[in-house]
Amino acid sequence: MSVKLEHRIGVQAPPEAIWAVIADIEGWSVWNPIYPKAQGTLRIGSPLTLELALEGRKPEVIKPVILDWVPNEQIHWRLTIMGGLVRTTRYFEIEKLSDTGCIFSNGELFDGLLGPTAVRSLQRPIRRGFAAMGEAVKARVEATWRP
């Protein structure tokens, strides 16, 4: 059994404008509240080095690996912790609704022997972090993109 946490938000911009913001991993430090420090390259199998900053918790460095990415559509990565007892799949997805409107989703699936148990105490800060990231993507994209 896995646990899924997700935040979805409407963005008044085309997929390309959203992609330009989320695919620039090195630029996340300028706008991303949940990952204030980020390094890495979008390449399948490539590791990322991210500082994870959740409300009420000390920031920690995580090192997920890119599973998949499709320009203007999605980024997925995998993180394994506690010797594989907790595995997560993090995703950012862009759903095109029109030429100038999309849904941006960011979420995570928690699985592994201890995944669902481990996430229970962190649900509130994770949900708040995902919401803050969604709002930040929306604000950044809508402030910079013009039809």
Protein backbone atom coordinates (compact mmCIF):
# COMPACT_ATOMS: atom_id res chain seq x y z
CA MET A 1 0.00 0.00 0.00
CA SER A 2 1.26 3.46 -0.84
CA VAL A 3 0.21 6.91 0.34
CA LYS A 4 -0.20 9.79 -2.12
CA LEU A 5 0.00 13.48 -1.20
CA GLU A 6 -0.64 16.04 -3.92
CA HIS A 7 -1.34 19.71 -4.58
CA ARG A 8 -2.90 20.97 -7.82
CA ILE A 9 -3.23 24.57 -8.95
CA GLY A 10 -4.42 26.38 -12.06
CA VAL A 11 -1.85 28.50 -13.89
CA GLN A 12 -2.76 31.04 -16.56
CA ALA A 13 0.07 30.25 -18.97
CA PRO A 14 1.00 27.63 -21.57
CA PRO A 15 2.89 24.46 -20.62
CA GLU A 16 6.13 25.86 -22.07
CA ALA A 17 6.11 28.77 -19.60
CA ILE A 18 5.63 26.46 -16.62
CA TRP A 19 8.26 24.06 -17.94
CA ALA A 20 10.80 26.88 -18.26
CA VAL A 21 10.46 27.52 -14.52
CA ILE A 22 10.42 23.94 -13.17
CA ALA A 23 13.07 22.52 -15.54
CA ASP A 24 15.62 25.15 -14.42
CA ILE A 25 16.67 23.21 -11.33
CA GLU A 26 19.63 25.49 -10.63
CA GLY A 27 17.20 28.45 -10.58
CA TRP A 28 14.94 26.98 -7.90
CA SER A 29 16.84 28.82 -5.18
CA VAL A 30 15.28 32.07 -6.41
CA TRP A 31 11.64 31.03 -5.96
CA ASN A 32 11.17 27.50 -4.55
CA PRO A 33 10.19 27.49 -0.84
CA ILE A 34 10.43 23.71 -0.36
CA TYR A 35 13.77 23.26 -2.18
CA PRO A 36 15.72 26.48 -1.47
CA LYS A 37 18.97 24.90 -2.69
CA ALA A 38 19.02 22.64 -5.73
CA GLN A 39 21.64 21.21 -8.06
CA GLY A 40 21.40 18.69 -10.85
CA THR A 41 20.55 18.01 -14.43
CA LEU A 42 17.38 16.68 -16.01
CA ARG A 43 18.65 13.38 -17.33
CA ILE A 44 17.21 9.93 -16.64
CA GLY A 45 19.31 8.27 -13.95
CA SER A 46 20.93 11.57 -12.96
CA PRO A 47 21.17 12.39 -9.23
CA LEU A 48 19.96 15.67 -7.78
CA THR A 49 21.19 17.33 -4.60
CA LEU A 50 18.33 19.20 -2.94
CA GLU A 51 17.85 20.92 0.38
CA LEU A 52 14.38 19.98 1.63
CA ALA A 53 12.86 22.67 3.86
CA LEU A 54 9.61 21.61 5.53
CA GLU A 55 7.79 23.81 8.03
CA GLY A 56 8.76 23.01 11.61
CA ARG A 57 11.70 20.79 10.63
CA LYS A 58 15.40 21.39 10.22
CA PRO A 59 16.36 21.58 6.51
CA GLU A 60 17.93 18.37 5.24
CA VAL A 61 19.85 17.40 2.11
CA ILE A 62 18.28 14.70 -0.04
CA LYS A 63 19.71 13.03 -3.13
CA PRO A 64 16.96 11.68 -5.37
CA VAL A 65 17.52 10.23 -8.85
CA ILE A 66 15.62 11.34 -11.97
CA LEU A 67 13.29 8.55 -13.13
CA ASP A 68 11.66 10.28 -16.08
CA TRP A 69 11.01 13.64 -17.61
CA VAL A 70 9.07 14.84 -20.63
CA PRO A 71 9.45 18.46 -21.74
CA ASN A 72 6.35 20.57 -21.05
CA GLU A 73 4.69 17.64 -19.25
CA GLN A 74 6.46 16.07 -16.26
CA ILE A 75 9.45 15.45 -14.02
CA HIS A 76 9.57 12.35 -11.79
CA TRP A 77 12.27 11.33 -9.34
CA ARG A 78 12.85 8.52 -6.83
CA LEU A 79 14.24 8.83 -3.32
CA THR A 80 15.16 5.81 -1.21
CA ILE A 81 15.90 6.24 2.50
CA MET A 82 16.28 4.08 5.59
CA GLY A 83 17.97 1.32 3.62
CA GLY A 84 15.05 1.04 1.20
CA LEU A 85 12.38 0.77 3.87
CA VAL A 86 10.98 4.10 2.65
CA ARG A 87 10.76 4.82 -1.07
CA THR A 88 9.17 7.89 -2.58
CA THR A 89 8.34 8.97 -6.09
CA ARG A 90 8.10 12.76 -6.39
CA TYR A 91 6.42 14.30 -9.40
CA PHE A 92 5.70 17.60 -11.07
CA GLU A 93 3.11 17.39 -13.84
CA ILE A 94 1.66 19.94 -16.24
CA GLU A 95 -1.81 19.28 -17.65
CA LYS A 96 -2.70 21.51 -20.59
CA LEU A 97 -6.29 22.77 -20.49
CA SER A 98 -6.01 25.40 -23.22
CA ASP A 99 -3.31 27.37 -25.03
CA THR A 100 -3.04 29.68 -22.02
CA GLY A 101 -4.20 27.56 -19.10
CA CYS A 102 -2.82 24.53 -17.28
CA ILE A 103 -3.03 22.58 -14.07
CA PHE A 104 0.31 22.23 -12.27
CA SER A 105 0.43 19.22 -9.94
CA ASN A 106 3.19 18.43 -7.51
CA GLY A 107 2.98 15.41 -5.30
CA GLU A 108 4.65 12.35 -3.91
CA LEU A 109 3.91 8.65 -3.55
CA PHE A 110 5.25 7.02 -0.38
CA ASP A 111 5.81 3.29 -0.40
CA GLY A 112 8.15 0.62 0.87
CA LEU A 113 7.74 -1.32 4.09
CA LEU A 114 7.76 1.85 6.25
CA GLY A 115 6.75 4.50 3.69
CA PRO A 116 3.07 4.87 4.66
CA THR A 117 3.97 4.86 8.37
CA ALA A 118 6.84 7.34 7.99
CA VAL A 119 4.69 9.90 6.17
CA ARG A 120 1.92 10.01 8.79
CA SER A 121 3.66 12.46 11.10
CA LEU A 122 4.84 14.59 8.18
CA GLN A 123 1.59 14.92 6.23
CA ARG A 124 0.77 18.45 7.36
CA PRO A 125 4.20 20.03 6.64
CA ILE A 126 4.47 18.12 3.35
CA ARG A 127 1.03 19.29 2.19
CA ARG A 128 1.88 22.87 3.18
CA GLY A 129 5.19 22.62 1.35
CA PHE A 130 3.53 21.31 -1.81
CA ALA A 131 0.93 24.09 -1.63
CA ALA A 132 3.65 26.72 -1.15
CA MET A 133 5.57 25.36 -4.12
CA GLY A 134 2.44 25.34 -6.29
CA GLU A 135 1.66 28.94 -5.37
CA ALA A 136 5.27 29.93 -6.05
CA VAL A 137 5.23 28.30 -9.51
CA LYS A 138 1.95 30.03 -10.32
CA ALA A 139 3.19 33.44 -9.12
CA ARG A 140 6.51 33.18 -10.93
CA VAL A 141 5.05 31.95 -14.23
CA GLU A 142 2.14 34.37 -14.30
CA ALA A 143 4.42 37.31 -13.42
CA THR A 144 6.80 36.59 -16.26
CA TRP A 145 4.64 35.14 -19.05
CA ARG A 146 2.59 37.44 -21.24
CA PRO A 147 0.38 36.37 -24.19
